[in-house]
Amino acid sequence: MADVTESLLAAGFVETAFHCPSCGLGGTSLSRPASLLDRTCLDCGEPVVTTVFERFSRG
C-alpha cells in the first residue's frame, strides 16, 4: 500500500483529512489539489472542511 501512496503523491496528489461540520463524517484521502475546492460530504452533500498534510523528509 505504501508504494501506491508514494506513486500517487509523486503524480501530484496530496494527503488530506476532511470533516463535515453538518453530519460529523470525517476521514482521510489522497486528492488532486484542483479537486479540493468546493468539496462536499458524500453522506449529506454539505461542504466539508479539508486539511492538507505537508510531508517532511526523514533525513
C-alpha atoms as a PDB file:
ATOM      1  CA  MET A   1       0.000   0.000   0.000  1.00  0.00           C
ATOM      2  CA  ALA A   2       2.866   2.401   0.774  1.00  0.00           C
ATOM      3  CA  ASP A   3       4.148   2.033  -2.806  1.00  0.00           C
ATOM      4  CA  VAL A   4       0.745   3.062  -4.197  1.00  0.00           C
ATOM      5  CA  THR A   5       0.614   6.079  -1.865  1.00  0.00           C
ATOM      6  CA  GLU A   6       4.116   7.151  -2.870  1.00  0.00           C
ATOM      7  CA  SER A   7       3.213   6.819  -6.563  1.00  0.00           C
ATOM      8  CA  LEU A   8       0.086   8.943  -6.143  1.00  0.00           C
ATOM      9  CA  LEU A   9       1.997  11.610  -4.212  1.00  0.00           C
ATOM     10  CA  ALA A  10       4.645  11.668  -6.940  1.00  0.00           C
ATOM     11  CA  ALA A  11       1.861  12.105  -9.522  1.00  0.00           C
ATOM     12  CA  GLY A  12       0.638  15.267  -7.808  1.00  0.00           C
ATOM     13  CA  PHE A  13      -1.906  14.013  -5.286  1.00  0.00           C
ATOM     14  CA  VAL A  14      -1.867  15.403  -1.724  1.00  0.00           C
ATOM     15  CA  GLU A  15      -2.781  13.765   1.592  1.00  0.00           C
ATOM     16  CA  THR A  16      -5.868  15.305   3.183  1.00  0.00           C
ATOM     17  CA  ALA A  17      -8.119  14.959   6.192  1.00  0.00           C
ATOM     18  CA  PHE A  18     -11.726  16.054   5.900  1.00  0.00           C
ATOM     19  CA  HIS A  19     -14.572  16.705   8.304  1.00  0.00           C
ATOM     20  CA  CYS A  20     -18.220  17.551   7.700  1.00  0.00           C
ATOM     21  CA  PRO A  21     -19.476  20.026  10.333  1.00  0.00           C
ATOM     22  CA  SER A  22     -23.098  19.204   9.412  1.00  0.00           C
ATOM     23  CA  CYS A  23     -23.185  15.432   9.921  1.00  0.00           C
ATOM     24  CA  GLY A  24     -19.814  14.667  11.541  1.00  0.00           C
ATOM     25  CA  LEU A  25     -18.465  12.383   8.802  1.00  0.00           C
ATOM     26  CA  GLY A  26     -14.681  12.535   8.573  1.00  0.00           C
ATOM     27  CA  GLY A  27     -11.709  10.676   7.231  1.00  0.00           C
ATOM     28  CA  THR A  28      -8.545  10.856   5.157  1.00  0.00           C
ATOM     29  CA  SER A  29      -7.988  10.846   1.433  1.00  0.00           C
ATOM     30  CA  LEU A  30      -5.489  11.326  -1.371  1.00  0.00           C
ATOM     31  CA  SER A  31      -6.759  14.097  -3.649  1.00  0.00           C
ATOM     32  CA  ARG A  32      -5.678  16.218  -6.553  1.00  0.00           C
ATOM     33  CA  PRO A  33      -5.219  19.830  -5.418  1.00  0.00           C
ATOM     34  CA  ALA A  34      -7.694  21.099  -8.027  1.00  0.00           C
ATOM     35  CA  SER A  35     -10.430  18.895  -6.547  1.00  0.00           C
ATOM     36  CA  LEU A  36     -10.094  20.417  -3.066  1.00  0.00           C
ATOM     37  CA  LEU A  37     -12.230  23.445  -3.900  1.00  0.00           C
ATOM     38  CA  ASP A  38     -15.944  23.115  -3.248  1.00  0.00           C
ATOM     39  CA  ARG A  39     -15.693  19.589  -1.773  1.00  0.00           C
ATOM     40  CA  THR A  40     -18.931  18.230  -0.409  1.00  0.00           C
ATOM     41  CA  CYS A  41     -19.768  15.439   2.020  1.00  0.00           C
ATOM     42  CA  LEU A  42     -20.511  12.091   0.407  1.00  0.00           C
ATOM     43  CA  ASP A  43     -23.071  11.404   3.146  1.00  0.00           C
ATOM     44  CA  CYS A  44     -25.153  14.600   3.387  1.00  0.00           C
ATOM     45  CA  GLY A  45     -23.937  16.791   0.490  1.00  0.00           C
ATOM     46  CA  GLU A  46     -22.922  19.753   2.669  1.00  0.00           C
ATOM     47  CA  PRO A  47     -19.499  21.470   2.344  1.00  0.00           C
ATOM     48  CA  VAL A  48     -16.598  19.837   4.206  1.00  0.00           C
ATOM     49  CA  VAL A  49     -13.537  21.286   5.919  1.00  0.00           C
ATOM     50  CA  THR A  50     -10.357  19.922   4.329  1.00  0.00           C
ATOM     51  CA  THR A  51      -6.829  19.985   5.736  1.00  0.00           C
ATOM     52  CA  VAL A  52      -3.822  19.215   3.516  1.00  0.00           C
ATOM     53  CA  PHE A  53      -0.917  17.422   5.201  1.00  0.00           C
ATOM     54  CA  GLU A  54       2.588  18.513   4.317  1.00  0.00           C
ATOM     55  CA  ARG A  55       5.192  15.763   4.176  1.00  0.00           C
ATOM     56  CA  PHE A  56       8.647  16.238   5.632  1.00  0.00           C
ATOM     57  CA  SER A  57      11.684  14.193   4.699  1.00  0.00           C
ATOM     58  CA  ARG A  58      13.057  11.912   7.391  1.00  0.00           C
ATOM     59  CA  GLY A  59      16.661  12.676   6.632  1.00  0.00           C
END
